[in-house]
Amino acid sequence: MIGRRTLWGAALLSGAMLTAGTASAQIEQFVVSGEAAERIFEKNQISGETARRLAESCEAYAAENGRTLSIFILDQFGNFVHMHRMDGQGYNNIKTAEMKARTALLSRAPTSNRMNAGRENPFDELRQIALGFFPNAGGLPIIVDNQLIGAIGVGGAAPSPEFSDELCAYHALNEVLGPQPPLPGIDPMRDPFTGDPQWCRGGAGPDPATGGTCE
């Protein structure tokens, strides 16, 4: 898991270096500006328009895949910016979307990193929960020009190798903000008694060593 976080951070840094020359011009497309920024003394707060576009992109992607889900978008201080619930979503779906967004915001990393760590060590999962994190995939930080401007959390869709909450959030970030660092990937769940990996559970997909499907 440490390796995955390192790779994700390195990819993010590489992308930031490539766009450093146009940093100011690029970030201004997605944050509050003008008199609104002056009133709050803040120039790196995600704009309502950007948050709305992210939610709409994720919703459209979910609909294309026959799924319904809930989407939460927070600013860099953890304040609510935009929330959208597709029809058929219950309280648990809505609440976990918010929890994923807050976990991504606090950790500045995909929440799947924390889920993978918990799958490797159940005691670590309990420690994370005690610290206020929600170790479940579906939350991503929103970073533009190496600046954190918010976080997105998606919940409510049953995962599969082809679709998941995390993939929906990732699709939205790529479509609205541009190319994003590679996702860390999902580790398999493990048998609590033997420690053996259990592929095709929890959205991990089939064992890459054997191929096949999860049907």
Protein backbone atom coordinates (compact mmCIF):
# COMPACT_ATOMS: atom_id res chain seq x y z
CA MET A 1 0.00 0.00 0.00
CA ILE A 2 2.83 2.40 0.71
CA GLY A 3 4.15 1.70 -2.77
CA ARG A 4 0.80 2.56 -4.33
CA ARG A 5 0.58 5.86 -2.45
CA THR A 6 4.12 6.68 -3.51
CA LEU A 7 3.38 5.95 -7.16
CA TRP A 8 0.17 8.00 -7.05
CA GLY A 9 2.04 10.91 -5.48
CA ALA A 10 4.87 10.66 -8.01
CA ALA A 11 2.43 10.67 -10.91
CA LEU A 12 0.66 13.67 -9.44
CA LEU A 13 3.94 15.54 -9.00
CA SER A 14 4.96 14.73 -12.57
CA GLY A 15 1.68 16.11 -13.87
CA ALA A 16 2.10 19.25 -11.80
CA MET A 17 5.59 19.82 -13.18
CA LEU A 18 4.32 19.50 -16.74
CA THR A 19 1.68 22.18 -16.13
CA ALA A 20 3.72 24.47 -13.90
CA GLY A 21 4.21 27.03 -16.66
CA THR A 22 0.47 27.59 -17.00
CA ALA A 23 -0.51 26.99 -13.38
CA SER A 24 -2.32 30.27 -12.77
CA ALA A 25 -4.29 30.17 -16.01
CA GLN A 26 -5.39 26.56 -15.56
CA ILE A 27 -6.53 26.64 -11.94
CA GLU A 28 -8.59 29.78 -12.51
CA GLN A 29 -10.97 27.76 -14.68
CA PHE A 30 -12.10 25.68 -11.72
CA VAL A 31 -12.03 27.95 -8.66
CA VAL A 32 -13.95 30.91 -7.27
CA SER A 33 -12.60 34.14 -8.71
CA GLY A 34 -13.22 37.89 -8.90
CA GLU A 35 -15.35 39.56 -6.24
CA ALA A 36 -16.48 36.20 -4.86
CA ALA A 37 -12.86 35.25 -4.10
CA GLU A 38 -12.21 38.66 -2.56
CA ARG A 39 -15.17 38.32 -0.21
CA ILE A 40 -13.88 35.03 1.21
CA PHE A 41 -10.15 35.89 1.00
CA GLU A 42 -9.54 32.66 -0.86
CA LYS A 43 -8.44 31.93 -4.44
CA ASN A 44 -8.20 28.13 -4.42
CA GLN A 45 -11.79 27.21 -3.54
CA ILE A 46 -13.54 24.96 -6.06
CA SER A 47 -16.33 26.80 -7.86
CA GLY A 48 -19.93 25.69 -7.76
CA GLU A 49 -19.93 25.36 -11.54
CA THR A 50 -16.96 22.98 -11.48
CA ALA A 51 -18.57 20.89 -8.73
CA ARG A 52 -21.82 20.70 -10.69
CA ARG A 53 -20.00 19.58 -13.84
CA LEU A 54 -18.18 16.86 -11.92
CA ALA A 55 -21.43 15.55 -10.48
CA GLU A 56 -23.17 15.60 -13.85
CA SER A 57 -20.26 13.78 -15.51
CA CYS A 58 -20.28 11.04 -12.89
CA GLU A 59 -24.07 10.73 -13.04
CA ALA A 60 -24.03 10.37 -16.84
CA TYR A 61 -21.30 7.74 -16.62
CA ALA A 62 -23.29 5.81 -14.00
CA ALA A 63 -26.44 5.95 -16.12
CA GLU A 64 -24.52 4.61 -19.13
CA ASN A 65 -23.54 1.63 -16.99
CA GLY A 66 -27.01 1.08 -15.55
CA ARG A 67 -26.10 2.23 -12.03
CA THR A 68 -27.42 4.76 -9.54
CA LEU A 69 -25.26 6.50 -6.95
CA SER A 70 -24.76 9.52 -4.71
CA ILE A 71 -22.09 12.18 -5.16
CA PHE A 72 -20.63 14.61 -2.62
CA ILE A 73 -18.19 17.40 -3.46
CA LEU A 74 -16.42 19.41 -0.74
CA ASP A 75 -14.13 22.41 -0.89
CA GLN A 76 -10.58 22.31 0.47
CA PHE A 77 -11.82 23.20 3.96
CA GLY A 78 -14.40 20.40 4.09
CA ASN A 79 -17.39 22.63 3.40
CA PHE A 80 -20.25 21.28 1.31
CA VAL A 81 -20.27 22.57 -2.29
CA HIS A 82 -22.49 20.21 -4.27
CA MET A 83 -24.41 17.02 -3.65
CA HIS A 84 -26.47 14.92 -6.04
CA ARG A 85 -28.51 11.82 -5.28
CA MET A 86 -29.75 9.72 -8.16
CA ASP A 87 -33.19 8.14 -7.73
CA GLY A 88 -33.28 5.03 -5.60
CA GLN A 89 -30.41 5.94 -3.28
CA GLY A 90 -30.90 5.43 0.45
CA TYR A 91 -29.39 7.05 3.53
CA ASN A 92 -26.44 4.67 3.68
CA ASN A 93 -25.46 5.41 0.06
CA ILE A 94 -25.68 9.15 0.61
CA LYS A 95 -23.79 9.16 3.91
CA THR A 96 -20.94 6.97 2.70
CA ALA A 97 -20.43 9.26 -0.32
CA GLU A 98 -19.90 12.16 2.08
CA MET A 99 -17.60 10.09 4.30
CA LYS A 100 -15.47 9.10 1.31
CA ALA A 101 -15.14 12.73 0.22
CA ARG A 102 -14.01 13.76 3.71
CA THR A 103 -11.52 10.90 3.92
CA ALA A 104 -10.02 11.83 0.54
CA LEU A 105 -9.81 15.44 1.67
CA LEU A 106 -8.07 14.62 4.95
CA SER A 107 -5.61 12.14 3.45
CA ARG A 108 -5.00 13.99 0.15
CA ALA A 109 -5.13 10.61 -1.58
CA PRO A 110 -7.61 8.10 -3.04
CA THR A 111 -9.60 6.38 -0.31
CA SER A 112 -8.84 3.03 -1.97
CA ASN A 113 -5.34 3.34 -0.48
CA ARG A 114 -6.87 3.17 2.98
CA MET A 115 -9.24 0.38 1.97
CA ASN A 116 -6.30 -1.68 0.69
CA ALA A 117 -4.41 -1.12 3.93
CA GLY A 118 -7.44 -2.30 5.90
CA ARG A 119 -7.82 -5.40 3.78
CA GLU A 120 -4.19 -6.26 4.40
CA ASN A 121 -4.47 -5.66 8.14
CA PRO A 122 -7.92 -5.56 9.85
CA PHE A 123 -6.38 -3.89 12.89
CA ASP A 124 -5.25 -1.01 10.68
CA GLU A 125 -8.82 -0.66 9.43
CA LEU A 126 -10.06 -0.28 13.00
CA ARG A 127 -7.36 2.29 13.70
CA GLN A 128 -8.38 4.28 10.65
CA ILE A 129 -12.03 4.29 11.68
CA ALA A 130 -11.05 5.43 15.18
CA LEU A 131 -9.16 8.34 13.59
CA GLY A 132 -12.23 9.39 11.62
CA PHE A 133 -11.37 7.93 8.21
CA PHE A 134 -13.71 5.82 6.09
CA PRO A 135 -11.48 3.18 4.42
CA ASN A 136 -13.57 2.42 1.38
CA ALA A 137 -12.93 3.13 -2.30
CA GLY A 138 -14.84 5.96 -3.97
CA GLY A 139 -13.23 9.16 -2.70
CA LEU A 140 -10.63 11.19 -4.59
CA PRO A 141 -8.93 14.52 -3.86
CA ILE A 142 -9.50 17.26 -6.43
CA ILE A 143 -6.08 18.68 -7.26
CA VAL A 144 -5.27 21.22 -9.96
CA ASP A 145 -1.74 22.51 -10.59
CA ASN A 146 -0.56 20.80 -7.41
CA GLN A 147 -3.16 22.66 -5.34
CA LEU A 148 -5.91 20.89 -3.40
CA ILE A 149 -9.22 22.60 -4.23
CA GLY A 150 -11.62 19.99 -2.84
CA ALA A 151 -12.62 16.33 -2.83
CA ILE A 152 -15.24 14.13 -4.44
CA GLY A 153 -16.91 11.13 -2.85
CA VAL A 154 -19.14 8.63 -4.64
CA GLY A 155 -21.23 5.93 -2.99
CA GLY A 156 -24.08 3.57 -3.70
CA ALA A 157 -23.05 1.57 -6.77
CA ALA A 158 -22.37 -2.15 -6.48
CA PRO A 159 -18.75 -2.61 -7.66
CA SER A 160 -17.64 -4.80 -10.54
CA PRO A 161 -14.44 -5.08 -12.61
CA GLU A 162 -16.01 -2.70 -15.14
CA PHE A 163 -17.60 -0.11 -12.85
CA SER A 164 -17.25 1.21 -9.31
CA ASP A 165 -17.77 4.35 -7.25
CA GLU A 166 -14.08 5.13 -7.63
CA LEU A 167 -14.11 4.69 -11.41
CA CYS A 168 -17.08 7.05 -11.67
CA ALA A 169 -15.30 9.76 -9.67
CA TYR A 170 -12.15 9.20 -11.70
CA HIS A 171 -14.06 9.46 -14.97
CA ALA A 172 -15.55 12.79 -13.87
CA LEU A 173 -12.19 14.26 -12.86
CA ASN A 174 -10.64 13.25 -16.18
CA GLU A 175 -13.52 14.65 -18.20
CA VAL A 176 -13.85 17.97 -16.36
CA LEU A 177 -10.31 18.73 -15.13
CA GLY A 178 -8.16 16.82 -17.59
CA PRO A 179 -5.84 13.78 -17.32
CA GLN A 180 -5.45 12.44 -13.78
CA PRO A 181 -2.76 10.25 -12.15
CA PRO A 182 -3.40 6.49 -12.42
CA LEU A 183 -5.61 4.99 -9.74
CA PRO A 184 -3.88 2.82 -7.12
CA GLY A 185 -5.96 -0.28 -7.89
CA ILE A 186 -8.08 -2.43 -5.60
CA ASP A 187 -6.56 -5.26 -3.57
CA PRO A 188 -8.62 -8.44 -3.07
CA MET A 189 -10.40 -9.11 0.19
CA ARG A 190 -8.72 -11.75 2.32
CA ASP A 191 -10.09 -14.72 4.18
CA PRO A 192 -10.09 -13.69 7.87
CA PHE A 193 -8.80 -17.12 8.95
CA THR A 194 -6.27 -18.08 6.28
CA GLY A 195 -5.30 -14.69 4.88
CA ASP A 196 -5.76 -16.02 1.34
CA PRO A 197 -6.87 -13.45 -1.26
CA GLN A 198 -10.51 -13.64 -2.28
CA TRP A 199 -10.76 -12.24 -5.79
CA CYS A 200 -14.08 -11.18 -7.33
CA ARG A 201 -15.24 -9.73 -4.02
CA GLY A 202 -15.44 -6.05 -3.15
CA GLY A 203 -14.79 -4.87 -6.71
CA ALA A 204 -11.24 -6.22 -6.95
CA GLY A 205 -11.97 -8.13 -10.14
CA PRO A 206 -10.61 -11.53 -11.22
CA ASP A 207 -7.20 -12.78 -10.16
CA PRO A 208 -4.78 -11.17 -12.66
CA ALA A 209 -2.58 -14.25 -12.49
CA THR A 210 -5.31 -16.51 -13.89
CA GLY A 211 -7.44 -14.12 -15.95
CA GLY A 212 -11.06 -15.02 -16.45
CA THR A 213 -14.13 -13.16 -15.21
CA CYS A 214 -16.09 -12.72 -12.03
CA GLU A 215 -19.29 -14.20 -13.43
